[in-house]
Amino acid sequence: MTKTRILLAEDDENLGFLLKEYLNMKNYETELFIDGNKAYKGFIREHFDLCLLDVMMPEKDGFTLAKEIRQINSEMPILFLTAKSMKEDVLEGFAIGADDYITKPFNMEELLYRIEAVLRRTKQDVDHENKTFRVGQYVFDTQNQLLKRGNKKKKLTTKESELLKLLCNNKNKVLERNFTLRTIWIDDSYFNARSMDVYITKLRKYLKDDPSIQIINVHGKGFKLIC
């Protein structure tokens, strides 16, 4: 069986080596890069299943690196390692399309749990689920993460796709905030809740060309997709 390959970008070589050894021990084939430029070149050169990126790095920071990775592969799962706990930094990471983040110092087992959760959520084995939804004038292809209207196509990030899929599965019904947060973001923390609001705003923008579609806030409960 082929091992899952992780790109690890971490400029603290001691921490990076410990993380690499731990993940290798847990059966993840992990490649360590000590700055953003080296990590980008490694990503182009080799195949990876998940990227674990430190935010603060020399040469190229984790946010910039994530944007460049997503230009090459918009579906690549990305998890940020950050010493920052400011909500603006967390929201910036999610706005880029990050799948999760963990703040230093962290427990190795928690990191492993988050990696496994991200990989589970992004796995493409959805044969038992609806793969296509009609949303007003749009067609939403969940398998390829495409939102189509006529000849126009919009490629969605993994989180955008997961959120729109939940809304479609609950069309014209209230989608509860806490359920959505636990399903997509693992927990219902303040930072994750703010991040979800950013993604809701993005989806409204993508669907705005059909005035019959609304994603409304239901005060104290969650959201409702009306179409």
C-alpha atoms as a PDB file:
ATOM      1  CA  MET A   1       0.000   0.000   0.000  1.00  0.00           C
ATOM      2  CA  THR A   2       1.330   3.437  -0.983  1.00  0.00           C
ATOM      3  CA  LYS A   3       2.082   5.701   1.965  1.00  0.00           C
ATOM      4  CA  THR A   4       0.494   9.132   2.274  1.00  0.00           C
ATOM      5  CA  ARG A   5       3.143  11.752   1.456  1.00  0.00           C
ATOM      6  CA  ILE A   6       3.364  14.993   3.449  1.00  0.00           C
ATOM      7  CA  LEU A   7       5.247  18.139   2.492  1.00  0.00           C
ATOM      8  CA  LEU A   8       6.485  19.758   5.716  1.00  0.00           C
ATOM      9  CA  ALA A   9       7.730  23.362   5.492  1.00  0.00           C
ATOM     10  CA  GLU A  10       9.277  24.436   8.812  1.00  0.00           C
ATOM     11  CA  ASP A  11      12.281  26.749   9.267  1.00  0.00           C
ATOM     12  CA  ASP A  12      12.987  25.585  12.838  1.00  0.00           C
ATOM     13  CA  GLU A  13      15.162  22.619  11.891  1.00  0.00           C
ATOM     14  CA  ASN A  14      14.951  20.980  15.325  1.00  0.00           C
ATOM     15  CA  LEU A  15      11.150  21.097  15.365  1.00  0.00           C
ATOM     16  CA  GLY A  16      11.037  20.128  11.708  1.00  0.00           C
ATOM     17  CA  PHE A  17      13.216  17.071  12.290  1.00  0.00           C
ATOM     18  CA  LEU A  18      11.096  15.983  15.284  1.00  0.00           C
ATOM     19  CA  LEU A  19       7.875  16.381  13.275  1.00  0.00           C
ATOM     20  CA  LYS A  20       9.323  14.494  10.326  1.00  0.00           C
ATOM     21  CA  GLU A  21      10.501  11.607  12.506  1.00  0.00           C
ATOM     22  CA  TYR A  22       7.173  11.443  14.352  1.00  0.00           C
ATOM     23  CA  LEU A  23       5.087  11.451  11.168  1.00  0.00           C
ATOM     24  CA  ASN A  24       7.369   8.887   9.510  1.00  0.00           C
ATOM     25  CA  MET A  25       6.922   6.701  12.572  1.00  0.00           C
ATOM     26  CA  LYS A  26       3.129   7.063  12.122  1.00  0.00           C
ATOM     27  CA  ASN A  27       3.491   5.751   8.570  1.00  0.00           C
ATOM     28  CA  TYR A  28       3.391   9.099   6.757  1.00  0.00           C
ATOM     29  CA  GLU A  29       6.228   9.611   4.282  1.00  0.00           C
ATOM     30  CA  THR A  30       7.341  13.132   5.168  1.00  0.00           C
ATOM     31  CA  GLU A  31       9.723  15.483   3.344  1.00  0.00           C
ATOM     32  CA  LEU A  32      11.109  18.460   5.312  1.00  0.00           C
ATOM     33  CA  PHE A  33      11.926  21.811   3.697  1.00  0.00           C
ATOM     34  CA  ILE A  34      13.431  24.619   5.780  1.00  0.00           C
ATOM     35  CA  ASP A  35      12.105  27.603   3.828  1.00  0.00           C
ATOM     36  CA  GLY A  36       9.244  28.491   1.521  1.00  0.00           C
ATOM     37  CA  ASN A  37      11.259  28.582  -1.692  1.00  0.00           C
ATOM     38  CA  LYS A  38      12.693  25.107  -1.154  1.00  0.00           C
ATOM     39  CA  ALA A  39       9.210  23.816  -0.272  1.00  0.00           C
ATOM     40  CA  TYR A  40       7.733  25.281  -3.458  1.00  0.00           C
ATOM     41  CA  LYS A  41      10.425  23.671  -5.606  1.00  0.00           C
ATOM     42  CA  GLY A  42       9.860  20.375  -3.784  1.00  0.00           C
ATOM     43  CA  PHE A  43       6.113  20.588  -4.404  1.00  0.00           C
ATOM     44  CA  ILE A  44       6.659  21.068  -8.133  1.00  0.00           C
ATOM     45  CA  ARG A  45       9.191  18.238  -8.283  1.00  0.00           C
ATOM     46  CA  GLU A  46       7.388  15.559  -6.259  1.00  0.00           C
ATOM     47  CA  HIS A  47       3.911  14.234  -5.467  1.00  0.00           C
ATOM     48  CA  PHE A  48       2.345  15.033  -2.087  1.00  0.00           C
ATOM     49  CA  ASP A  49      -1.031  14.271  -0.515  1.00  0.00           C
ATOM     50  CA  LEU A  50      -1.012  17.038   2.117  1.00  0.00           C
ATOM     51  CA  CYS A  51       1.011  20.178   2.893  1.00  0.00           C
ATOM     52  CA  LEU A  52       1.924  21.131   6.470  1.00  0.00           C
ATOM     53  CA  LEU A  53       3.155  24.734   6.339  1.00  0.00           C
ATOM     54  CA  ASP A  54       4.699  26.976   8.987  1.00  0.00           C
ATOM     55  CA  VAL A  55       3.343  30.505   8.575  1.00  0.00           C
ATOM     56  CA  MET A  56       6.500  32.435   9.545  1.00  0.00           C
ATOM     57  CA  MET A  57       9.389  31.339   7.300  1.00  0.00           C
ATOM     58  CA  PRO A  58      12.328  33.069   5.617  1.00  0.00           C
ATOM     59  CA  GLU A  59      12.440  33.521   1.830  1.00  0.00           C
ATOM     60  CA  LYS A  60       8.708  32.883   1.478  1.00  0.00           C
ATOM     61  CA  ASP A  61       6.038  32.804   4.211  1.00  0.00           C
ATOM     62  CA  GLY A  62       3.457  30.041   4.546  1.00  0.00           C
ATOM     63  CA  PHE A  63       0.544  32.136   3.264  1.00  0.00           C
ATOM     64  CA  THR A  64       2.390  33.031   0.052  1.00  0.00           C
ATOM     65  CA  LEU A  65       3.512  29.437  -0.383  1.00  0.00           C
ATOM     66  CA  ALA A  66      -0.074  28.183   0.097  1.00  0.00           C
ATOM     67  CA  LYS A  67      -1.367  30.572  -2.585  1.00  0.00           C
ATOM     68  CA  GLU A  68       1.271  29.320  -5.044  1.00  0.00           C
ATOM     69  CA  ILE A  69       0.520  25.675  -4.222  1.00  0.00           C
ATOM     70  CA  ARG A  70      -3.194  26.268  -4.744  1.00  0.00           C
ATOM     71  CA  GLN A  71      -2.494  27.817  -8.160  1.00  0.00           C
ATOM     72  CA  ILE A  72      -0.927  24.507  -9.164  1.00  0.00           C
ATOM     73  CA  ASN A  73      -3.368  22.217  -7.350  1.00  0.00           C
ATOM     74  CA  SER A  74      -6.517  23.868  -5.997  1.00  0.00           C
ATOM     75  CA  GLU A  75      -7.532  20.671  -4.185  1.00  0.00           C
ATOM     76  CA  MET A  76      -4.312  20.114  -2.224  1.00  0.00           C
ATOM     77  CA  PRO A  77      -5.102  19.810   1.514  1.00  0.00           C
ATOM     78  CA  ILE A  78      -3.199  22.484   3.492  1.00  0.00           C
ATOM     79  CA  LEU A  79      -2.722  22.698   7.253  1.00  0.00           C
ATOM     80  CA  PHE A  80      -0.933  25.691   8.803  1.00  0.00           C
ATOM     81  CA  LEU A  81       1.469  25.607  11.744  1.00  0.00           C
ATOM     82  CA  THR A  82       1.471  28.995  13.408  1.00  0.00           C
ATOM     83  CA  ALA A  83       2.893  30.641  16.514  1.00  0.00           C
ATOM     84  CA  LYS A  84       0.329  33.382  16.000  1.00  0.00           C
ATOM     85  CA  SER A  85      -3.058  33.297  17.682  1.00  0.00           C
ATOM     86  CA  MET A  86      -4.412  36.610  16.340  1.00  0.00           C
ATOM     87  CA  LYS A  87      -7.776  36.083  14.700  1.00  0.00           C
ATOM     88  CA  GLU A  88      -6.701  38.084  11.634  1.00  0.00           C
ATOM     89  CA  ASP A  89      -3.916  35.577  10.902  1.00  0.00           C
ATOM     90  CA  VAL A  90      -6.238  32.611  11.312  1.00  0.00           C
ATOM     91  CA  LEU A  91      -8.865  34.204   9.077  1.00  0.00           C
ATOM     92  CA  GLU A  92      -6.244  35.020   6.448  1.00  0.00           C
ATOM     93  CA  GLY A  93      -5.244  31.365   6.392  1.00  0.00           C
ATOM     94  CA  PHE A  94      -8.828  30.212   5.906  1.00  0.00           C
ATOM     95  CA  ALA A  95      -9.451  32.917   3.293  1.00  0.00           C
ATOM     96  CA  ILE A  96      -6.582  31.429   1.276  1.00  0.00           C
ATOM     97  CA  GLY A  97      -8.384  28.112   1.496  1.00  0.00           C
ATOM     98  CA  ALA A  98      -6.593  26.329   4.331  1.00  0.00           C
ATOM     99  CA  ASP A  99      -8.207  23.137   5.554  1.00  0.00           C
ATOM    100  CA  ASP A 100      -7.087  23.601   9.157  1.00  0.00           C
ATOM    101  CA  TYR A 101      -4.467  25.208  11.412  1.00  0.00           C
ATOM    102  CA  ILE A 102      -2.771  24.402  14.689  1.00  0.00           C
ATOM    103  CA  THR A 103      -1.120  26.913  17.019  1.00  0.00           C
ATOM    104  CA  LYS A 104       2.341  26.317  18.518  1.00  0.00           C
ATOM    105  CA  PRO A 105       3.123  24.850  20.948  1.00  0.00           C
ATOM    106  CA  PHE A 106       0.966  21.854  20.145  1.00  0.00           C
ATOM    107  CA  ASN A 107       0.605  18.245  21.154  1.00  0.00           C
ATOM    108  CA  MET A 108       1.902  15.756  18.579  1.00  0.00           C
ATOM    109  CA  GLU A 109      -1.181  13.583  18.959  1.00  0.00           C
ATOM    110  CA  GLU A 110      -3.448  16.562  18.294  1.00  0.00           C
ATOM    111  CA  LEU A 111      -1.479  17.342  15.132  1.00  0.00           C
ATOM    112  CA  LEU A 112      -1.845  13.736  14.002  1.00  0.00           C
ATOM    113  CA  TYR A 113      -5.586  13.870  14.682  1.00  0.00           C
ATOM    114  CA  ARG A 114      -5.971  17.037  12.622  1.00  0.00           C
ATOM    115  CA  ILE A 115      -3.963  15.587   9.717  1.00  0.00           C
ATOM    116  CA  GLU A 116      -6.109  12.463   9.718  1.00  0.00           C
ATOM    117  CA  ALA A 117      -9.307  14.537   9.900  1.00  0.00           C
ATOM    118  CA  VAL A 118      -8.264  16.728   6.959  1.00  0.00           C
ATOM    119  CA  LEU A 119      -7.356  13.677   4.871  1.00  0.00           C
ATOM    120  CA  ARG A 120     -10.706  12.057   5.680  1.00  0.00           C
ATOM    121  CA  ARG A 121     -12.640  15.180   4.718  1.00  0.00           C
ATOM    122  CA  THR A 122     -10.793  15.678   1.447  1.00  0.00           C
ATOM    123  CA  LYS A 123     -10.918  12.067   0.319  1.00  0.00           C
ATOM    124  CA  GLN A 124     -12.710  11.731  -3.002  1.00  0.00           C
ATOM    125  CA  ASP A 125     -14.511   8.479  -2.184  1.00  0.00           C
ATOM    126  CA  VAL A 126     -18.075   9.807  -2.358  1.00  0.00           C
ATOM    127  CA  ASP A 127     -19.732   7.139  -4.514  1.00  0.00           C
ATOM    128  CA  HIS A 128     -22.639   6.783  -2.087  1.00  0.00           C
ATOM    129  CA  GLU A 129     -23.445  10.490  -2.127  1.00  0.00           C
ATOM    130  CA  ASN A 130     -24.988  12.884  -4.626  1.00  0.00           C
ATOM    131  CA  LYS A 131     -22.275  14.116  -6.954  1.00  0.00           C
ATOM    132  CA  THR A 132     -24.294  16.774  -8.774  1.00  0.00           C
ATOM    133  CA  PHE A 133     -26.772  19.340  -7.492  1.00  0.00           C
ATOM    134  CA  ARG A 134     -28.967  21.798  -9.366  1.00  0.00           C
ATOM    135  CA  VAL A 135     -28.820  25.188  -7.622  1.00  0.00           C
ATOM    136  CA  GLY A 136     -31.080  27.597  -9.502  1.00  0.00           C
ATOM    137  CA  GLN A 137     -29.340  28.254 -12.824  1.00  0.00           C
ATOM    138  CA  TYR A 138     -26.134  26.583 -11.577  1.00  0.00           C
ATOM    139  CA  VAL A 139     -24.951  22.993 -11.643  1.00  0.00           C
ATOM    140  CA  PHE A 140     -22.679  22.029  -8.742  1.00  0.00           C
ATOM    141  CA  ASP A 141     -20.344  19.122  -9.516  1.00  0.00           C
ATOM    142  CA  THR A 142     -19.156  18.001  -6.071  1.00  0.00           C
ATOM    143  CA  GLN A 143     -16.672  15.408  -7.318  1.00  0.00           C
ATOM    144  CA  ASN A 144     -14.711  17.939  -9.371  1.00  0.00           C
ATOM    145  CA  GLN A 145     -15.557  20.884  -7.090  1.00  0.00           C
ATOM    146  CA  LEU A 146     -16.985  22.868 -10.018  1.00  0.00           C
ATOM    147  CA  LEU A 147     -19.819  25.392 -10.005  1.00  0.00           C
ATOM    148  CA  LYS A 148     -21.155  25.810 -13.540  1.00  0.00           C
ATOM    149  CA  ARG A 149     -23.603  28.258 -15.114  1.00  0.00           C
ATOM    150  CA  GLY A 150     -23.874  28.061 -18.867  1.00  0.00           C
ATOM    151  CA  ASN A 151     -20.350  28.204 -20.256  1.00  0.00           C
ATOM    152  CA  LYS A 152     -18.920  29.706 -17.076  1.00  0.00           C
ATOM    153  CA  LYS A 153     -17.130  27.489 -14.571  1.00  0.00           C
ATOM    154  CA  LYS A 154     -15.825  28.292 -11.087  1.00  0.00           C
ATOM    155  CA  LYS A 155     -13.378  25.932  -9.385  1.00  0.00           C
ATOM    156  CA  LEU A 156     -14.108  25.781  -5.652  1.00  0.00           C
ATOM    157  CA  THR A 157     -11.662  25.104  -2.838  1.00  0.00           C
ATOM    158  CA  THR A 158     -12.226  22.010  -0.706  1.00  0.00           C
ATOM    159  CA  LYS A 159     -13.890  23.965   2.111  1.00  0.00           C
ATOM    160  CA  GLU A 160     -16.060  25.992  -0.281  1.00  0.00           C
ATOM    161  CA  SER A 161     -17.193  22.759  -1.902  1.00  0.00           C
ATOM    162  CA  GLU A 162     -17.894  21.034   1.439  1.00  0.00           C
ATOM    163  CA  LEU A 163     -19.903  24.002   2.699  1.00  0.00           C
ATOM    164  CA  LEU A 164     -21.964  24.341  -0.484  1.00  0.00           C
ATOM    165  CA  LYS A 165     -22.592  20.598  -0.446  1.00  0.00           C
ATOM    166  CA  LEU A 166     -23.976  20.771   3.101  1.00  0.00           C
ATOM    167  CA  LEU A 167     -26.196  23.683   2.093  1.00  0.00           C
ATOM    168  CA  CYS A 168     -27.450  21.728  -0.941  1.00  0.00           C
ATOM    169  CA  ASN A 169     -28.152  18.650   1.155  1.00  0.00           C
ATOM    170  CA  ASN A 170     -30.259  20.884   3.417  1.00  0.00           C
ATOM    171  CA  LYS A 171     -31.779  23.094   0.701  1.00  0.00           C
ATOM    172  CA  ASN A 172     -34.672  25.240   1.985  1.00  0.00           C
ATOM    173  CA  LYS A 173     -33.958  23.991   5.513  1.00  0.00           C
ATOM    174  CA  VAL A 174     -31.890  25.517   8.303  1.00  0.00           C
ATOM    175  CA  LEU A 175     -28.284  24.316   8.340  1.00  0.00           C
ATOM    176  CA  GLU A 176     -27.183  24.693  11.956  1.00  0.00           C
ATOM    177  CA  ARG A 177     -23.951  26.587  12.599  1.00  0.00           C
ATOM    178  CA  ASN A 178     -22.542  24.203  15.208  1.00  0.00           C
ATOM    179  CA  PHE A 179     -23.257  21.146  13.086  1.00  0.00           C
ATOM    180  CA  THR A 180     -21.506  22.772  10.112  1.00  0.00           C
ATOM    181  CA  LEU A 181     -18.484  23.775  12.185  1.00  0.00           C
ATOM    182  CA  ARG A 182     -18.069  20.307  13.685  1.00  0.00           C
ATOM    183  CA  THR A 183     -18.525  18.647  10.296  1.00  0.00           C
ATOM    184  CA  ILE A 184     -16.104  20.784   8.274  1.00  0.00           C
ATOM    185  CA  TRP A 185     -13.874  22.588  10.795  1.00  0.00           C
ATOM    186  CA  ILE A 186     -13.803  19.841  13.478  1.00  0.00           C
ATOM    187  CA  ASP A 187     -14.736  22.211  16.319  1.00  0.00           C
ATOM    188  CA  ASP A 188     -16.944  25.259  16.860  1.00  0.00           C
ATOM    189  CA  SER A 189     -14.336  27.707  18.141  1.00  0.00           C
ATOM    190  CA  TYR A 190     -14.674  31.465  17.646  1.00  0.00           C
ATOM    191  CA  PHE A 191     -11.955  31.535  14.979  1.00  0.00           C
ATOM    192  CA  ASN A 192     -13.565  28.715  13.009  1.00  0.00           C
ATOM    193  CA  ALA A 193     -16.974  30.393  13.244  1.00  0.00           C
ATOM    194  CA  ARG A 194     -15.534  33.606  11.818  1.00  0.00           C
ATOM    195  CA  SER A 195     -13.841  31.608   9.083  1.00  0.00           C
ATOM    196  CA  MET A 196     -17.148  29.967   8.155  1.00  0.00           C
ATOM    197  CA  ASP A 197     -18.746  33.404   7.792  1.00  0.00           C
ATOM    198  CA  VAL A 198     -15.990  34.312   5.307  1.00  0.00           C
ATOM    199  CA  TYR A 199     -16.803  31.222   3.250  1.00  0.00           C
ATOM    200  CA  ILE A 200     -20.557  31.943   3.328  1.00  0.00           C
ATOM    201  CA  THR A 201     -19.806  35.412   1.919  1.00  0.00           C
ATOM    202  CA  LYS A 202     -17.717  33.828  -0.836  1.00  0.00           C
ATOM    203  CA  LEU A 203     -20.494  31.427  -1.819  1.00  0.00           C
ATOM    204  CA  ARG A 204     -23.015  34.287  -1.993  1.00  0.00           C
ATOM    205  CA  LYS A 205     -20.649  36.089  -4.373  1.00  0.00           C
ATOM    206  CA  TYR A 206     -20.280  33.008  -6.588  1.00  0.00           C
ATOM    207  CA  LEU A 207     -24.072  32.568  -6.812  1.00  0.00           C
ATOM    208  CA  LYS A 208     -25.036  36.240  -7.194  1.00  0.00           C
ATOM    209  CA  ASP A 209     -25.760  36.077 -10.948  1.00  0.00           C
ATOM    210  CA  ASP A 210     -28.973  34.152 -10.228  1.00  0.00           C
ATOM    211  CA  PRO A 211     -31.225  36.452  -8.136  1.00  0.00           C
ATOM    212  CA  SER A 212     -33.529  33.533  -7.267  1.00  0.00           C
ATOM    213  CA  ILE A 213     -30.795  32.069  -5.035  1.00  0.00           C
ATOM    214  CA  GLN A 214     -30.276  33.275  -1.474  1.00  0.00           C
ATOM    215  CA  ILE A 215     -28.137  32.107   1.419  1.00  0.00           C
ATOM    216  CA  ILE A 216     -29.815  33.743   4.387  1.00  0.00           C
ATOM    217  CA  ASN A 217     -28.748  33.998   8.011  1.00  0.00           C
ATOM    218  CA  VAL A 218     -31.231  32.475  10.444  1.00  0.00           C
ATOM    219  CA  HIS A 219     -30.559  34.387  13.657  1.00  0.00           C
ATOM    220  CA  GLY A 220     -29.265  32.202  16.465  1.00  0.00           C
ATOM    221  CA  LYS A 221     -29.463  29.038  14.379  1.00  0.00           C
ATOM    222  CA  GLY A 222     -27.476  29.000  11.151  1.00  0.00           C
ATOM    223  CA  PHE A 223     -28.007  29.408   7.417  1.00  0.00           C
ATOM    224  CA  LYS A 224     -30.577  28.477   4.788  1.00  0.00           C
ATOM    225  CA  LEU A 225     -30.031  27.984   1.056  1.00  0.00           C
ATOM    226  CA  ILE A 226     -33.177  29.131  -0.775  1.00  0.00           C
ATOM    227  CA  CYS A 227     -33.555  28.388  -4.477  1.00  0.00           C
END
